[in-house]
C-alpha cells in the first residue's frame, strides 16, 4: 500500500533555528522535503524544541496504523540522503502500524521530552 495515495500518513519536518538550517551542514534540506513529499503529506513545523537532535522528523500513522495501535514516531539526526530514503521507503510501505519500521531507522528513533 502506498502511504501518500491510499493511507493518509503525515510527516512533520522541523524547520527553524537548527533543523533545516545551515547549522546542519552537508544536507540538501529542500531535496529532503521533496523526497518525503513524494511519499506522504508533509507539514513543515517551527521548532519542535529538540534542537540538539536536528534534523527531526515525526511520522504520524495513518488511520489504519492508528487502529493497529501505532503512535507518532520521532526520528532524530535524519541528516543524509540515505536516511531520508529509508524514511521514504517506510512511508511507501505504509508507515507506522502498517509496515514494520526498517531496523536501520532504530538508529534514529527517540522519545521526545514531555512538553510543559
N, C-alpha and C. Protein backbone atom coordinates (compact mmCIF):
# COMPACT_ATOMS: atom_id res chain seq x y z
N UNK A 1 0.84 -1.18 0.00
CA UNK A 1 0.00 0.00 0.00
C UNK A 1 0.89 1.24 0.00
N UNK A 2 0.47 2.23 -0.72
CA UNK A 2 1.26 3.45 -0.76
C UNK A 2 0.66 4.46 0.19
N UNK A 3 1.50 4.95 1.08
CA UNK A 3 1.06 5.87 2.12
C UNK A 3 0.44 7.13 1.54
N UNK A 4 1.09 7.73 0.59
CA UNK A 4 0.64 9.02 0.07
C UNK A 4 -0.68 8.91 -0.68
N UNK A 5 -0.99 7.76 -1.26
CA UNK A 5 -2.20 7.63 -2.06
C UNK A 5 -3.35 7.00 -1.30
N UNK A 6 -3.14 5.84 -0.68
CA UNK A 6 -4.25 5.12 -0.08
C UNK A 6 -4.31 5.27 1.44
N UNK A 7 -3.24 5.65 2.07
CA UNK A 7 -3.22 5.80 3.51
C UNK A 7 -2.74 7.21 3.85
N UNK A 8 -3.51 7.92 4.63
CA UNK A 8 -3.13 9.30 4.92
C UNK A 8 -2.06 9.43 6.02
N UNK A 9 -0.88 8.88 5.76
CA UNK A 9 0.25 9.13 6.65
C UNK A 9 0.60 10.60 6.56
N UNK A 10 1.11 11.12 7.63
CA UNK A 10 1.59 12.50 7.61
C UNK A 10 2.98 12.53 8.21
N UNK A 11 3.76 13.45 7.72
CA UNK A 11 5.11 13.64 8.22
C UNK A 11 5.24 15.11 8.61
N UNK A 12 5.75 15.34 9.80
CA UNK A 12 6.06 16.70 10.23
C UNK A 12 7.57 16.83 10.25
N UNK A 13 8.07 17.83 9.55
CA UNK A 13 9.50 18.06 9.46
C UNK A 13 9.81 19.37 10.16
N UNK A 14 10.69 19.32 11.12
CA UNK A 14 11.10 20.52 11.85
C UNK A 14 11.99 21.37 10.95
N UNK A 15 11.68 22.64 10.87
CA UNK A 15 12.48 23.58 10.10
C UNK A 15 12.43 24.93 10.81
N UNK A 16 13.48 25.25 11.53
CA UNK A 16 13.51 26.54 12.21
C UNK A 16 14.94 26.92 12.54
N UNK A 17 15.24 27.07 13.80
CA UNK A 17 16.53 27.62 14.20
C UNK A 17 17.70 26.67 13.92
N UNK A 18 17.48 25.38 14.04
CA UNK A 18 18.56 24.40 13.80
C UNK A 18 18.21 23.45 12.66
N UNK A 19 17.09 22.76 12.81
CA UNK A 19 16.68 21.83 11.76
C UNK A 19 16.44 22.59 10.46
N UNK A 20 16.97 22.05 9.40
CA UNK A 20 16.75 22.67 8.09
C UNK A 20 17.55 23.93 7.85
N UNK A 21 18.53 24.17 8.68
CA UNK A 21 19.32 25.40 8.55
C UNK A 21 20.77 25.07 8.19
N UNK A 22 21.55 26.08 7.84
CA UNK A 22 22.97 25.85 7.55
C UNK A 22 23.75 25.30 8.74
N UNK A 23 23.18 25.35 9.95
CA UNK A 23 23.84 24.75 11.11
C UNK A 23 24.03 23.25 10.91
N UNK A 24 23.15 22.64 10.13
CA UNK A 24 23.27 21.22 9.81
C UNK A 24 23.86 21.15 8.40
N UNK A 25 25.16 21.15 8.35
CA UNK A 25 25.88 21.25 7.08
C UNK A 25 25.83 19.94 6.29
N UNK A 26 25.94 20.08 4.99
CA UNK A 26 26.03 18.92 4.11
C UNK A 26 24.70 18.25 3.81
N UNK A 27 23.60 18.89 4.17
CA UNK A 27 22.27 18.32 3.92
C UNK A 27 21.54 19.22 2.93
N UNK A 28 21.00 18.62 1.90
CA UNK A 28 20.15 19.37 0.97
C UNK A 28 18.74 19.33 1.54
N UNK A 29 18.42 20.32 2.35
CA UNK A 29 17.15 20.34 3.08
C UNK A 29 15.95 20.40 2.13
N UNK A 30 16.07 21.13 1.03
CA UNK A 30 14.97 21.21 0.06
C UNK A 30 14.74 19.86 -0.60
N UNK A 31 15.82 19.15 -0.94
CA UNK A 31 15.70 17.83 -1.55
C UNK A 31 15.07 16.84 -0.56
N UNK A 32 15.40 16.98 0.72
CA UNK A 32 14.81 16.11 1.72
C UNK A 32 13.30 16.30 1.77
N UNK A 33 12.85 17.54 1.80
CA UNK A 33 11.41 17.81 1.80
C UNK A 33 10.75 17.25 0.54
N UNK A 34 11.36 17.48 -0.60
CA UNK A 34 10.79 17.00 -1.86
C UNK A 34 10.68 15.48 -1.87
N UNK A 35 11.70 14.79 -1.37
CA UNK A 35 11.68 13.33 -1.36
C UNK A 35 10.56 12.80 -0.47
N UNK A 36 10.41 13.40 0.71
CA UNK A 36 9.36 12.96 1.62
C UNK A 36 7.98 13.29 1.07
N UNK A 37 7.86 14.44 0.40
CA UNK A 37 6.56 14.83 -0.19
C UNK A 37 6.15 13.89 -1.32
N UNK A 38 7.11 13.21 -1.91
CA UNK A 38 6.78 12.25 -2.97
C UNK A 38 6.07 11.02 -2.41
N UNK A 39 6.15 10.82 -1.09
CA UNK A 39 5.58 9.62 -0.47
C UNK A 39 4.43 9.90 0.49
N UNK A 40 4.34 11.10 1.04
CA UNK A 40 3.32 11.38 2.06
C UNK A 40 3.05 12.87 2.14
N UNK A 41 1.99 13.20 2.85
CA UNK A 41 1.70 14.60 3.14
C UNK A 41 2.76 15.08 4.14
N UNK A 42 3.38 16.20 3.83
CA UNK A 42 4.44 16.74 4.68
C UNK A 42 4.03 18.12 5.18
N UNK A 43 4.14 18.29 6.47
CA UNK A 43 3.94 19.59 7.08
C UNK A 43 5.28 20.06 7.61
N UNK A 44 5.54 21.34 7.44
CA UNK A 44 6.76 21.93 7.97
C UNK A 44 6.39 22.67 9.24
N UNK A 45 7.12 22.39 10.29
CA UNK A 45 6.84 22.96 11.60
C UNK A 45 7.94 23.92 12.01
N UNK A 46 7.57 24.88 12.83
CA UNK A 46 8.58 25.65 13.52
C UNK A 46 9.26 24.73 14.53
N UNK A 47 10.13 25.25 15.30
CA UNK A 47 10.95 24.48 16.23
C UNK A 47 10.12 23.51 17.08
N UNK A 48 10.55 22.25 17.11
CA UNK A 48 9.92 21.22 17.93
C UNK A 48 10.62 21.06 19.28
N UNK A 49 11.53 21.98 19.58
CA UNK A 49 12.23 22.03 20.88
C UNK A 49 13.13 20.84 21.15
N UNK A 50 13.71 20.30 20.13
CA UNK A 50 14.70 19.22 20.28
C UNK A 50 15.89 19.52 19.36
N UNK A 51 16.36 20.75 19.43
CA UNK A 51 17.40 21.24 18.52
C UNK A 51 18.66 20.39 18.53
N UNK A 52 18.99 19.82 19.67
CA UNK A 52 20.20 19.00 19.76
C UNK A 52 20.09 17.71 18.96
N UNK A 53 18.92 17.44 18.38
CA UNK A 53 18.68 16.21 17.62
C UNK A 53 18.43 16.48 16.13
N UNK A 54 18.70 17.68 15.68
CA UNK A 54 18.40 18.11 14.31
C UNK A 54 19.10 17.21 13.29
N UNK A 55 18.41 16.97 12.24
CA UNK A 55 17.08 17.23 11.72
C UNK A 55 16.09 16.22 12.29
N UNK A 56 14.94 16.74 12.73
CA UNK A 56 13.92 15.91 13.35
C UNK A 56 12.74 15.75 12.41
N UNK A 57 12.25 14.52 12.32
CA UNK A 57 11.08 14.18 11.51
C UNK A 57 10.14 13.37 12.39
N UNK A 58 8.86 13.72 12.35
CA UNK A 58 7.84 12.97 13.09
C UNK A 58 6.93 12.29 12.07
N UNK A 59 6.84 10.98 12.15
CA UNK A 59 5.99 10.22 11.24
C UNK A 59 4.71 9.87 11.99
N UNK A 60 3.60 10.34 11.46
CA UNK A 60 2.30 10.10 12.07
C UNK A 60 1.59 8.98 11.33
N UNK A 61 1.08 7.99 12.05
CA UNK A 61 0.45 6.86 11.37
C UNK A 61 -0.85 7.23 10.68
N UNK A 62 -1.19 6.43 9.71
CA UNK A 62 -2.47 6.55 9.02
C UNK A 62 -3.58 6.10 9.96
N UNK A 63 -4.81 6.26 9.53
CA UNK A 63 -5.95 5.77 10.31
C UNK A 63 -5.81 4.26 10.53
N UNK A 64 -5.39 3.55 9.49
CA UNK A 64 -5.18 2.10 9.61
C UNK A 64 -4.09 1.79 10.63
N UNK A 65 -3.01 2.56 10.59
CA UNK A 65 -1.92 2.37 11.54
C UNK A 65 -2.35 2.68 12.97
N UNK A 66 -3.11 3.76 13.14
CA UNK A 66 -3.62 4.10 14.48
C UNK A 66 -4.54 3.01 15.00
N UNK A 67 -5.39 2.46 14.12
CA UNK A 67 -6.29 1.38 14.52
C UNK A 67 -5.50 0.16 14.97
N UNK A 68 -4.30 -0.01 14.43
CA UNK A 68 -3.43 -1.13 14.82
C UNK A 68 -2.61 -0.81 16.07
N UNK A 69 -2.81 0.40 16.63
CA UNK A 69 -2.12 0.77 17.86
C UNK A 69 -0.88 1.61 17.68
N UNK A 70 -0.57 2.02 16.46
CA UNK A 70 0.63 2.81 16.21
C UNK A 70 0.47 4.23 16.75
N UNK A 71 1.57 4.81 17.13
CA UNK A 71 1.64 6.19 17.60
C UNK A 71 2.67 6.93 16.76
N UNK A 72 2.77 8.23 17.00
CA UNK A 72 3.77 9.03 16.30
C UNK A 72 5.17 8.48 16.56
N UNK A 73 5.97 8.49 15.52
CA UNK A 73 7.36 8.04 15.61
C UNK A 73 8.26 9.25 15.38
N UNK A 74 9.11 9.53 16.36
CA UNK A 74 10.03 10.66 16.27
C UNK A 74 11.40 10.13 15.85
N UNK A 75 11.97 10.76 14.83
CA UNK A 75 13.27 10.37 14.30
C UNK A 75 14.23 11.55 14.39
N UNK A 76 15.43 11.27 14.86
CA UNK A 76 16.45 12.30 15.03
C UNK A 76 17.60 12.10 14.03
N UNK A 77 18.37 13.15 13.84
CA UNK A 77 19.57 13.11 13.01
C UNK A 77 19.31 12.54 11.62
N UNK A 78 18.20 12.89 11.03
CA UNK A 78 17.91 12.47 9.65
C UNK A 78 18.61 13.49 8.75
N UNK A 79 19.92 13.28 8.61
CA UNK A 79 20.79 14.30 8.01
C UNK A 79 21.48 13.86 6.74
N UNK A 80 20.97 12.87 6.09
CA UNK A 80 21.59 12.45 4.85
C UNK A 80 20.57 11.85 3.90
N UNK A 81 20.96 11.75 2.66
CA UNK A 81 20.07 11.20 1.63
C UNK A 81 19.69 9.76 1.93
N UNK A 82 20.62 8.98 2.47
CA UNK A 82 20.32 7.57 2.76
C UNK A 82 19.26 7.46 3.86
N UNK A 83 19.39 8.26 4.91
CA UNK A 83 18.40 8.24 5.99
C UNK A 83 17.04 8.71 5.48
N UNK A 84 17.05 9.74 4.66
CA UNK A 84 15.79 10.23 4.09
C UNK A 84 15.15 9.15 3.23
N UNK A 85 15.95 8.45 2.45
CA UNK A 85 15.43 7.38 1.60
C UNK A 85 14.87 6.23 2.44
N UNK A 86 15.50 5.93 3.56
CA UNK A 86 14.98 4.89 4.45
C UNK A 86 13.59 5.27 4.98
N UNK A 87 13.42 6.54 5.36
CA UNK A 87 12.12 7.02 5.83
C UNK A 87 11.11 6.95 4.68
N UNK A 88 11.51 7.41 3.50
CA UNK A 88 10.60 7.42 2.34
C UNK A 88 10.16 6.00 1.98
N UNK A 89 11.05 5.04 2.03
CA UNK A 89 10.70 3.66 1.71
C UNK A 89 9.69 3.11 2.72
N UNK A 90 9.87 3.46 3.98
CA UNK A 90 8.93 3.01 5.01
C UNK A 90 7.55 3.64 4.79
N UNK A 91 7.54 4.92 4.44
CA UNK A 91 6.27 5.58 4.14
C UNK A 91 5.58 4.90 2.96
N UNK A 92 6.35 4.61 1.93
CA UNK A 92 5.80 3.95 0.74
C UNK A 92 5.20 2.59 1.09
N UNK A 93 5.80 1.91 2.07
CA UNK A 93 5.31 0.60 2.50
C UNK A 93 4.08 0.70 3.41
N UNK A 94 3.79 1.88 3.92
CA UNK A 94 2.60 2.06 4.77
C UNK A 94 2.85 2.76 6.07
N UNK A 95 4.09 2.81 6.53
CA UNK A 95 4.41 3.55 7.75
C UNK A 95 4.00 2.85 9.03
N UNK A 96 3.99 3.59 10.13
CA UNK A 96 3.74 3.01 11.46
C UNK A 96 2.43 2.25 11.53
N UNK A 97 2.50 1.05 12.10
CA UNK A 97 1.32 0.23 12.30
C UNK A 97 0.89 -0.57 11.10
N UNK A 98 1.43 -0.22 9.94
CA UNK A 98 1.08 -0.93 8.70
C UNK A 98 2.27 -1.74 8.21
N UNK A 99 3.43 -1.13 8.23
CA UNK A 99 4.66 -1.79 7.78
C UNK A 99 5.68 -1.74 8.92
N UNK A 100 6.43 -2.80 9.10
CA UNK A 100 7.47 -2.77 10.14
C UNK A 100 8.48 -1.68 9.86
N UNK A 101 8.93 -1.02 10.91
CA UNK A 101 9.95 0.01 10.74
C UNK A 101 11.27 -0.67 10.37
N UNK A 102 11.93 -0.21 9.32
CA UNK A 102 13.21 -0.80 8.95
C UNK A 102 14.19 -0.71 10.12
N UNK A 103 14.92 -1.77 10.41
CA UNK A 103 15.84 -1.76 11.55
C UNK A 103 16.84 -0.60 11.53
N UNK A 104 17.22 -0.14 10.34
CA UNK A 104 18.18 0.97 10.26
C UNK A 104 17.61 2.24 10.90
N UNK A 105 16.29 2.39 10.87
CA UNK A 105 15.68 3.58 11.47
C UNK A 105 15.70 3.54 13.00
N UNK A 106 15.96 2.37 13.58
CA UNK A 106 16.13 2.30 15.04
C UNK A 106 17.24 3.24 15.50
N UNK A 107 18.22 3.46 14.63
CA UNK A 107 19.33 4.37 14.97
C UNK A 107 18.86 5.81 15.11
N UNK A 108 17.71 6.13 14.54
CA UNK A 108 17.19 7.49 14.55
C UNK A 108 16.02 7.68 15.52
N UNK A 109 15.51 6.61 16.06
CA UNK A 109 14.33 6.64 16.91
C UNK A 109 14.64 7.26 18.26
N UNK A 110 13.75 8.15 18.73
CA UNK A 110 13.89 8.69 20.09
C UNK A 110 12.53 9.03 20.63
N UNK A 111 12.47 9.15 21.94
CA UNK A 111 11.26 9.56 22.63
C UNK A 111 11.38 11.04 22.95
N UNK A 112 10.44 11.84 22.46
CA UNK A 112 10.55 13.28 22.71
C UNK A 112 10.32 13.61 24.17
N UNK A 113 10.92 14.69 24.63
CA UNK A 113 10.67 15.10 26.03
C UNK A 113 9.24 15.58 26.17
N UNK A 114 8.74 15.49 27.37
CA UNK A 114 7.38 16.00 27.63
C UNK A 114 7.40 17.51 27.56
N UNK A 115 6.36 18.04 26.99
CA UNK A 115 6.23 19.50 26.89
C UNK A 115 5.53 20.02 28.12
N UNK A 116 5.92 21.22 28.51
CA UNK A 116 5.30 21.85 29.68
C UNK A 116 4.24 22.82 29.27
